[in-house]
Amino acid sequence: MSRNFYILGATLGFFALLSAGMSFVPANFQPGLPANASMWRTIALFLLLAGLVSAFVGVMTNLFEQVDRRNEAARLAAREKRRDRDR
């Protein structure tokens, strides 16, 4: 599950870099596109923030999945220990 958030974060980061690059392209190379550099920079900022949030959610998801796996392994080990003790 966390891999999906990492991929989403990387994609949003790539589009943020692309949007930031568009702010340096002259207006005559952008027919039909907005030529306002501040708008491209604002879009890049929002995309970057969304990518960072997505990566953070991926990290937290990965950590919680790891805690669940370790808790399950500890529970099974304790159960096996109790079973061996009772025999």
PDB file of N, CA and C in Angstrom:
ATOM      1  N   MET A   1       0.827  -1.200   0.000  1.00  0.00           N
ATOM      2  CA  MET A   1       0.000   0.000   0.000  1.00  0.00           C
ATOM      3  C   MET A   1       0.864   1.254   0.000  1.00  0.00           C
ATOM      4  N   SER A   2       1.937   1.260   0.778  1.00  0.00           N
ATOM      5  CA  SER A   2       2.761   2.465   0.855  1.00  0.00           C
ATOM      6  C   SER A   2       3.481   2.730  -0.464  1.00  0.00           C
ATOM      7  N   ARG A   3       3.716   1.666  -1.241  1.00  0.00           N
ATOM      8  CA  ARG A   3       4.380   1.849  -2.531  1.00  0.00           C
ATOM      9  C   ARG A   3       3.549   2.745  -3.448  1.00  0.00           C
ATOM     10  N   ASN A   4       2.237   2.636  -3.381  1.00  0.00           N
ATOM     11  CA  ASN A   4       1.364   3.484  -4.196  1.00  0.00           C
ATOM     12  C   ASN A   4       1.525   4.955  -3.823  1.00  0.00           C
ATOM     13  N   PHE A   5       1.666   5.224  -2.531  1.00  0.00           N
ATOM     14  CA  PHE A   5       1.852   6.610  -2.100  1.00  0.00           C
ATOM     15  C   PHE A   5       3.218   7.139  -2.537  1.00  0.00           C
ATOM     16  N   TYR A   6       4.243   6.280  -2.523  1.00  0.00           N
ATOM     17  CA  TYR A   6       5.564   6.696  -2.997  1.00  0.00           C
ATOM     18  C   TYR A   6       5.523   7.035  -4.485  1.00  0.00           C
ATOM     19  N   ILE A   7       4.831   6.210  -5.253  1.00  0.00           N
ATOM     20  CA  ILE A   7       4.725   6.452  -6.693  1.00  0.00           C
ATOM     21  C   ILE A   7       3.953   7.739  -6.953  1.00  0.00           C
ATOM     22  N   LEU A   8       2.864   7.947  -6.216  1.00  0.00           N
ATOM     23  CA  LEU A   8       2.088   9.178  -6.360  1.00  0.00           C
ATOM     24  C   LEU A   8       2.931  10.396  -5.992  1.00  0.00           C
ATOM     25  N   GLY A   9       3.689  10.302  -4.904  1.00  0.00           N
ATOM     26  CA  GLY A   9       4.555  11.406  -4.493  1.00  0.00           C
ATOM     27  C   GLY A   9       5.621  11.719  -5.537  1.00  0.00           C
ATOM     28  N   ALA A  10       6.212  10.678  -6.121  1.00  0.00           N
ATOM     29  CA  ALA A  10       7.233  10.890  -7.151  1.00  0.00           C
ATOM     30  C   ALA A  10       6.622  11.519  -8.408  1.00  0.00           C
ATOM     31  N   THR A  11       5.436  11.084  -8.767  1.00  0.00           N
ATOM     32  CA  THR A  11       4.766  11.647  -9.939  1.00  0.00           C
ATOM     33  C   THR A  11       4.420  13.115  -9.721  1.00  0.00           C
ATOM     34  N   LEU A  12       3.886  13.428  -8.560  1.00  0.00           N
ATOM     35  CA  LEU A  12       3.554  14.821  -8.256  1.00  0.00           C
ATOM     36  C   LEU A  12       4.818  15.677  -8.191  1.00  0.00           C
ATOM     37  N   GLY A  13       5.906  15.112  -7.660  1.00  0.00           N
ATOM     38  CA  GLY A  13       7.179  15.835  -7.630  1.00  0.00           C
ATOM     39  C   GLY A  13       7.706  16.107  -9.036  1.00  0.00           C
ATOM     40  N   PHE A  14       7.570  15.128  -9.923  1.00  0.00           N
ATOM     41  CA  PHE A  14       7.990  15.327 -11.311  1.00  0.00           C
ATOM     42  C   PHE A  14       7.185  16.435 -11.980  1.00  0.00           C
ATOM     43  N   PHE A  15       5.874  16.415 -11.785  1.00  0.00           N
ATOM     44  CA  PHE A  15       5.048  17.467 -12.379  1.00  0.00           C
ATOM     45  C   PHE A  15       5.319  18.825 -11.739  1.00  0.00           C
ATOM     46  N   ALA A  16       5.715  18.838 -10.478  1.00  0.00           N
ATOM     47  CA  ALA A  16       6.100  20.095  -9.834  1.00  0.00           C
ATOM     48  C   ALA A  16       7.360  20.652 -10.491  1.00  0.00           C
ATOM     49  N   LEU A  17       8.327  19.789 -10.757  1.00  0.00           N
ATOM     50  CA  LEU A  17       9.541  20.239 -11.459  1.00  0.00           C
ATOM     51  C   LEU A  17       9.216  20.722 -12.866  1.00  0.00           C
ATOM     52  N   LEU A  18       8.333  20.022 -13.541  1.00  0.00           N
ATOM     53  CA  LEU A  18       7.922  20.431 -14.881  1.00  0.00           C
ATOM     54  C   LEU A  18       7.228  21.794 -14.854  1.00  0.00           C
ATOM     55  N   SER A  19       6.367  22.010 -13.879  1.00  0.00           N
ATOM     56  CA  SER A  19       5.681  23.298 -13.754  1.00  0.00           C
ATOM     57  C   SER A  19       6.656  24.412 -13.408  1.00  0.00           C
ATOM     58  N   ALA A  20       7.628  24.107 -12.557  1.00  0.00           N
ATOM     59  CA  ALA A  20       8.629  25.127 -12.229  1.00  0.00           C
ATOM     60  C   ALA A  20       9.463  25.465 -13.457  1.00  0.00           C
ATOM     61  N   GLY A  21       9.758  24.468 -14.261  1.00  0.00           N
ATOM     62  CA  GLY A  21      10.491  24.726 -15.504  1.00  0.00           C
ATOM     63  C   GLY A  21       9.687  25.558 -16.491  1.00  0.00           C
ATOM     64  N   MET A  22       8.384  25.376 -16.499  1.00  0.00           N
ATOM     65  CA  MET A  22       7.526  26.153 -17.410  1.00  0.00           C
ATOM     66  C   MET A  22       7.541  27.638 -17.062  1.00  0.00           C
ATOM     67  N   SER A  23       7.863  27.977 -15.832  1.00  0.00           N
ATOM     68  CA  SER A  23       7.890  29.394 -15.466  1.00  0.00           C
ATOM     69  C   SER A  23       9.088  30.108 -16.089  1.00  0.00           C
ATOM     70  N   PHE A  24      10.078  29.346 -16.554  1.00  0.00           N
ATOM     71  CA  PHE A  24      11.255  29.952 -17.176  1.00  0.00           C
ATOM     72  C   PHE A  24      11.179  29.974 -18.698  1.00  0.00           C
ATOM     73  N   VAL A  25      10.147  29.372 -19.269  1.00  0.00           N
ATOM     74  CA  VAL A  25       9.978  29.339 -20.723  1.00  0.00           C
ATOM     75  C   VAL A  25       9.326  30.643 -21.169  1.00  0.00           C
ATOM     76  N   PRO A  26       9.851  31.276 -22.211  1.00  0.00           N
ATOM     77  CA  PRO A  26       9.227  32.521 -22.698  1.00  0.00           C
ATOM     78  C   PRO A  26       7.795  32.295 -23.182  1.00  0.00           C
ATOM     79  N   ALA A  27       7.015  33.350 -23.138  1.00  0.00           N
ATOM     80  CA  ALA A  27       5.590  33.257 -23.461  1.00  0.00           C
ATOM     81  C   ALA A  27       5.338  32.868 -24.915  1.00  0.00           C
ATOM     82  N   ASN A  28       6.219  33.234 -25.835  1.00  0.00           N
ATOM     83  CA  ASN A  28       5.957  32.917 -27.241  1.00  0.00           C
ATOM     84  C   ASN A  28       6.176  31.434 -27.543  1.00  0.00           C
ATOM     85  N   PHE A  29       6.764  30.663 -26.632  1.00  0.00           N
ATOM     86  CA  PHE A  29       6.905  29.219 -26.810  1.00  0.00           C
ATOM     87  C   PHE A  29       5.722  28.453 -26.229  1.00  0.00           C
ATOM     88  N   GLN A  30       4.767  29.150 -25.651  1.00  0.00           N
ATOM     89  CA  GLN A  30       3.626  28.514 -25.003  1.00  0.00           C
ATOM     90  C   GLN A  30       2.309  28.946 -25.643  1.00  0.00           C
ATOM     91  N   PRO A  31       2.082  28.635 -26.903  1.00  0.00           N
ATOM     92  CA  PRO A  31       0.814  29.055 -27.509  1.00  0.00           C
ATOM     93  C   PRO A  31      -0.368  28.324 -26.876  1.00  0.00           C
ATOM     94  N   GLY A  32      -1.327  29.086 -26.445  1.00  0.00           N
ATOM     95  CA  GLY A  32      -2.527  28.511 -25.843  1.00  0.00           C
ATOM     96  C   GLY A  32      -2.387  28.181 -24.376  1.00  0.00           C
ATOM     97  N   LEU A  33      -1.196  28.335 -23.803  1.00  0.00           N
ATOM     98  CA  LEU A  33      -0.999  28.058 -22.380  1.00  0.00           C
ATOM     99  C   LEU A  33      -0.848  29.370 -21.629  1.00  0.00           C
ATOM    100  N   PRO A  34      -1.164  29.368 -20.341  1.00  0.00           N
ATOM    101  CA  PRO A  34      -0.966  30.588 -19.563  1.00  0.00           C
ATOM    102  C   PRO A  34       0.521  30.943 -19.514  1.00  0.00           C
ATOM    103  N   ALA A  35       0.816  32.209 -19.740  1.00  0.00           N
ATOM    104  CA  ALA A  35       2.210  32.643 -19.785  1.00  0.00           C
ATOM    105  C   ALA A  35       2.632  33.334 -18.496  1.00  0.00           C
ATOM    106  N   ASN A  36       1.781  33.311 -17.503  1.00  0.00           N
ATOM    107  CA  ASN A  36       2.082  33.980 -16.259  1.00  0.00           C
ATOM    108  C   ASN A  36       3.011  33.094 -15.421  1.00  0.00           C
ATOM    109  N   ALA A  37       4.263  33.549 -15.217  1.00  0.00           N
ATOM    110  CA  ALA A  37       5.258  32.731 -14.511  1.00  0.00           C
ATOM    111  C   ALA A  37       4.877  32.508 -13.049  1.00  0.00           C
ATOM    112  N   SER A  38       4.252  33.487 -12.428  1.00  0.00           N
ATOM    113  CA  SER A  38       3.891  33.320 -11.019  1.00  0.00           C
ATOM    114  C   SER A  38       2.829  32.228 -10.849  1.00  0.00           C
ATOM    115  N   MET A  39       1.958  32.077 -11.852  1.00  0.00           N
ATOM    116  CA  MET A  39       0.954  31.018 -11.778  1.00  0.00           C
ATOM    117  C   MET A  39       1.626  29.644 -11.878  1.00  0.00           C
ATOM    118  N   TRP A  40       2.599  29.497 -12.773  1.00  0.00           N
ATOM    119  CA  TRP A  40       3.321  28.231 -12.901  1.00  0.00           C
ATOM    120  C   TRP A  40       4.072  27.903 -11.608  1.00  0.00           C
ATOM    121  N   ARG A  41       4.650  28.917 -10.988  1.00  0.00           N
ATOM    122  CA  ARG A  41       5.367  28.685  -9.732  1.00  0.00           C
ATOM    123  C   ARG A  41       4.406  28.297  -8.610  1.00  0.00           C
ATOM    124  N   THR A  42       3.217  28.897  -8.604  1.00  0.00           N
ATOM    125  CA  THR A  42       2.214  28.543  -7.601  1.00  0.00           C
ATOM    126  C   THR A  42       1.743  27.104  -7.793  1.00  0.00           C
ATOM    127  N   ILE A  43       1.500  26.725  -9.037  1.00  0.00           N
ATOM    128  CA  ILE A  43       1.107  25.349  -9.332  1.00  0.00           C
ATOM    129  C   ILE A  43       2.209  24.393  -8.893  1.00  0.00           C
ATOM    130  N   ALA A  44       3.468  24.754  -9.186  1.00  0.00           N
ATOM    131  CA  ALA A  44       4.601  23.907  -8.793  1.00  0.00           C
ATOM    132  C   ALA A  44       4.667  23.756  -7.275  1.00  0.00           C
ATOM    133  N   LEU A  45       4.414  24.830  -6.558  1.00  0.00           N
ATOM    134  CA  LEU A  45       4.442  24.775  -5.100  1.00  0.00           C
ATOM    135  C   LEU A  45       3.366  23.848  -4.562  1.00  0.00           C
ATOM    136  N   PHE A  46       2.154  23.958  -5.080  1.00  0.00           N
ATOM    137  CA  PHE A  46       1.067  23.093  -4.620  1.00  0.00           C
ATOM    138  C   PHE A  46       1.316  21.634  -4.976  1.00  0.00           C
ATOM    139  N   LEU A  47       1.854  21.392  -6.179  1.00  0.00           N
ATOM    140  CA  LEU A  47       2.166  20.021  -6.559  1.00  0.00           C
ATOM    141  C   LEU A  47       3.271  19.441  -5.679  1.00  0.00           C
ATOM    142  N   LEU A  48       4.269  20.250  -5.362  1.00  0.00           N
ATOM    143  CA  LEU A  48       5.346  19.793  -4.500  1.00  0.00           C
ATOM    144  C   LEU A  48       4.828  19.477  -3.102  1.00  0.00           C
ATOM    145  N   LEU A  49       3.983  20.341  -2.566  1.00  0.00           N
ATOM    146  CA  LEU A  49       3.409  20.085  -1.242  1.00  0.00           C
ATOM    147  C   LEU A  49       2.550  18.816  -1.246  1.00  0.00           C
ATOM    148  N   ALA A  50       1.772  18.622  -2.288  1.00  0.00           N
ATOM    149  CA  ALA A  50       0.955  17.412  -2.384  1.00  0.00           C
ATOM    150  C   ALA A  50       1.844  16.172  -2.493  1.00  0.00           C
ATOM    151  N   GLY A  51       2.939  16.267  -3.240  1.00  0.00           N
ATOM    152  CA  GLY A  51       3.871  15.150  -3.347  1.00  0.00           C
ATOM    153  C   GLY A  51       4.535  14.828  -2.025  1.00  0.00           C
ATOM    154  N   LEU A  52       4.908  15.859  -1.275  1.00  0.00           N
ATOM    155  CA  LEU A  52       5.522  15.633   0.033  1.00  0.00           C
ATOM    156  C   LEU A  52       4.531  15.016   1.016  1.00  0.00           C
ATOM    157  N   VAL A  53       3.295  15.472   0.992  1.00  0.00           N
ATOM    158  CA  VAL A  53       2.264  14.888   1.857  1.00  0.00           C
ATOM    159  C   VAL A  53       2.036  13.428   1.489  1.00  0.00           C
ATOM    160  N   SER A  54       1.997  13.142   0.198  1.00  0.00           N
ATOM    161  CA  SER A  54       1.808  11.765  -0.247  1.00  0.00           C
ATOM    162  C   SER A  54       2.970  10.872   0.196  1.00  0.00           C
ATOM    163  N   ALA A  55       4.186  11.362   0.085  1.00  0.00           N
ATOM    164  CA  ALA A  55       5.343  10.590   0.538  1.00  0.00           C
ATOM    165  C   ALA A  55       5.299  10.381   2.048  1.00  0.00           C
ATOM    166  N   PHE A  56       4.876  11.392   2.786  1.00  0.00           N
ATOM    167  CA  PHE A  56       4.755  11.262   4.247  1.00  0.00           C
ATOM    168  C   PHE A  56       3.709  10.217   4.616  1.00  0.00           C
ATOM    169  N   VAL A  57       2.586  10.224   3.925  1.00  0.00           N
ATOM    170  CA  VAL A  57       1.546   9.223   4.183  1.00  0.00           C
ATOM    171  C   VAL A  57       2.090   7.830   3.863  1.00  0.00           C
ATOM    172  N   GLY A  58       2.886   7.720   2.793  1.00  0.00           N
ATOM    173  CA  GLY A  58       3.503   6.437   2.461  1.00  0.00           C
ATOM    174  C   GLY A  58       4.444   5.959   3.545  1.00  0.00           C
ATOM    175  N   VAL A  59       5.242   6.853   4.102  1.00  0.00           N
ATOM    176  CA  VAL A  59       6.159   6.485   5.181  1.00  0.00           C
ATOM    177  C   VAL A  59       5.380   6.038   6.414  1.00  0.00           C
ATOM    178  N   MET A  60       4.354   6.801   6.786  1.00  0.00           N
ATOM    179  CA  MET A  60       3.571   6.445   7.968  1.00  0.00           C
ATOM    180  C   MET A  60       2.834   5.119   7.760  1.00  0.00           C
ATOM    181  N   THR A  61       2.309   4.889   6.575  1.00  0.00           N
ATOM    182  CA  THR A  61       1.638   3.625   6.273  1.00  0.00           C
ATOM    183  C   THR A  61       2.613   2.465   6.399  1.00  0.00           C
ATOM    184  N   ASN A  62       3.825   2.658   5.875  1.00  0.00           N
ATOM    185  CA  ASN A  62       4.840   1.619   5.962  1.00  0.00           C
ATOM    186  C   ASN A  62       5.205   1.325   7.418  1.00  0.00           C
ATOM    187  N   LEU A  63       5.330   2.352   8.230  1.00  0.00           N
ATOM    188  CA  LEU A  63       5.660   2.155   9.639  1.00  0.00           C
ATOM    189  C   LEU A  63       4.560   1.408  10.381  1.00  0.00           C
ATOM    190  N   PHE A  64       3.308   1.779  10.138  1.00  0.00           N
ATOM    191  CA  PHE A  64       2.212   1.112  10.819  1.00  0.00           C
ATOM    192  C   PHE A  64       2.060  -0.333  10.359  1.00  0.00           C
ATOM    193  N   GLU A  65       2.324  -0.606   9.072  1.00  0.00           N
ATOM    194  CA  GLU A  65       2.294  -1.985   8.596  1.00  0.00           C
ATOM    195  C   GLU A  65       3.391  -2.805   9.266  1.00  0.00           C
ATOM    196  N   GLN A  66       4.558  -2.203   9.460  1.00  0.00           N
ATOM    197  CA  GLN A  66       5.652  -2.901  10.120  1.00  0.00           C
ATOM    198  C   GLN A  66       5.298  -3.205  11.578  1.00  0.00           C
ATOM    199  N   VAL A  67       4.682  -2.249  12.252  1.00  0.00           N
ATOM    200  CA  VAL A  67       4.263  -2.474  13.636  1.00  0.00           C
ATOM    201  C   VAL A  67       3.247  -3.612  13.699  1.00  0.00           C
ATOM    202  N   ASP A  68       2.308  -3.646  12.778  1.00  0.00           N
ATOM    203  CA  ASP A  68       1.322  -4.721  12.762  1.00  0.00           C
ATOM    204  C   ASP A  68       1.975  -6.079  12.536  1.00  0.00           C
ATOM    205  N   ARG A  69       2.941  -6.147  11.612  1.00  0.00           N
ATOM    206  CA  ARG A  69       3.631  -7.410  11.354  1.00  0.00           C
ATOM    207  C   ARG A  69       4.399  -7.873  12.588  1.00  0.00           C
ATOM    208  N   ARG A  70       5.111  -6.958  13.235  1.00  0.00           N
ATOM    209  CA  ARG A  70       5.887  -7.337  14.423  1.00  0.00           C
ATOM    210  C   ARG A  70       4.970  -7.732  15.581  1.00  0.00           C
ATOM    211  N   ASN A  71       3.860  -7.042  15.730  1.00  0.00           N
ATOM    212  CA  ASN A  71       2.900  -7.386  16.784  1.00  0.00           C
ATOM    213  C   ASN A  71       2.331  -8.779  16.548  1.00  0.00           C
ATOM    214  N   GLU A  72       2.005  -9.083  15.309  1.00  0.00           N
ATOM    215  CA  GLU A  72       1.474 -10.403  14.977  1.00  0.00           C
ATOM    216  C   GLU A  72       2.520 -11.486  15.224  1.00  0.00           C
ATOM    217  N   ALA A  73       3.769 -11.225  14.865  1.00  0.00           N
ATOM    218  CA  ALA A  73       4.839 -12.205  15.096  1.00  0.00           C
ATOM    219  C   ALA A  73       5.069 -12.416  16.593  1.00  0.00           C
ATOM    220  N   ALA A  74       5.030 -11.343  17.369  1.00  0.00           N
ATOM    221  CA  ALA A  74       5.206 -11.472  18.819  1.00  0.00           C
ATOM    222  C   ALA A  74       4.047 -12.228  19.443  1.00  0.00           C
ATOM    223  N   ARG A  75       2.843 -11.981  18.965  1.00  0.00           N
ATOM    224  CA  ARG A  75       1.667 -12.683  19.483  1.00  0.00           C
ATOM    225  C   ARG A  75       1.754 -14.174  19.186  1.00  0.00           C
ATOM    226  N   LEU A  76       2.171 -14.530  17.970  1.00  0.00           N
ATOM    227  CA  LEU A  76       2.305 -15.942  17.618  1.00  0.00           C
ATOM    228  C   LEU A  76       3.421 -16.612  18.409  1.00  0.00           C
ATOM    229  N   ALA A  77       4.516 -15.891  18.635  1.00  0.00           N
ATOM    230  CA  ALA A  77       5.620 -16.447  19.424  1.00  0.00           C
ATOM    231  C   ALA A  77       5.184 -16.676  20.868  1.00  0.00           C
ATOM    232  N   ALA A  78       4.452 -15.750  21.442  1.00  0.00           N
ATOM    233  CA  ALA A  78       3.960 -15.915  22.811  1.00  0.00           C
ATOM    234  C   ALA A  78       2.973 -17.069  22.894  1.00  0.00           C
ATOM    235  N   ARG A  79       2.143 -17.221  21.901  1.00  0.00           N
ATOM    236  CA  ARG A  79       1.175 -18.320  21.881  1.00  0.00           C
ATOM    237  C   ARG A  79       1.895 -19.659  21.803  1.00  0.00           C
ATOM    238  N   GLU A  80       2.919 -19.715  20.941  1.00  0.00           N
ATOM    239  CA  GLU A  80       3.696 -20.947  20.819  1.00  0.00           C
ATOM    240  C   GLU A  80       4.442 -21.268  22.116  1.00  0.00           C
ATOM    241  N   LYS A  81       4.941 -20.248  22.786  1.00  0.00           N
ATOM    242  CA  LYS A  81       5.643 -20.430  24.054  1.00  0.00           C
ATOM    243  C   LYS A  81       4.692 -20.960  25.117  1.00  0.00           C
ATOM    244  N   ARG A  82       3.463 -20.416  25.187  1.00  0.00           N
ATOM    245  CA  ARG A  82       2.476 -20.885  26.139  1.00  0.00           C
ATOM    246  C   ARG A  82       2.080 -22.336  25.844  1.00  0.00           C
ATOM    247  N   ARG A  83       1.960 -22.635  24.554  1.00  0.00           N
ATOM    248  CA  ARG A  83       1.578 -23.986  24.152  1.00  0.00           C
ATOM    249  C   ARG A  83       2.666 -24.995  24.562  1.00  0.00           C
ATOM    250  N   ASP A  84       3.919 -24.634  24.352  1.00  0.00           N
ATOM    251  CA  ASP A  84       5.025 -25.524  24.747  1.00  0.00           C
ATOM    252  C   ASP A  84       5.105 -25.663  26.264  1.00  0.00           C
ATOM    253  N   ARG A  85       4.811 -24.620  27.002  1.00  0.00           N
ATOM    254  CA  ARG A  85       4.868 -24.653  28.448  1.00  0.00           C
ATOM    255  C   ARG A  85       3.765 -25.542  29.016  1.00  0.00           C
ATOM    256  N   ASP A  86       2.603 -25.536  28.389  1.00  0.00           N
ATOM    257  CA  ASP A  86       1.469 -26.298  28.883  1.00  0.00           C
ATOM    258  C   ASP A  86       1.621 -27.800  28.627  1.00  0.00           C
ATOM    259  N   ARG A  87       2.484 -28.184  27.751  1.00  0.00           N
ATOM    260  CA  ARG A  87       2.649 -29.606  27.432  1.00  0.00           C
ATOM    261  C   ARG A  87       3.440 -30.321  28.443  1.00  0.00           C
TER     262      ARG A  87
END
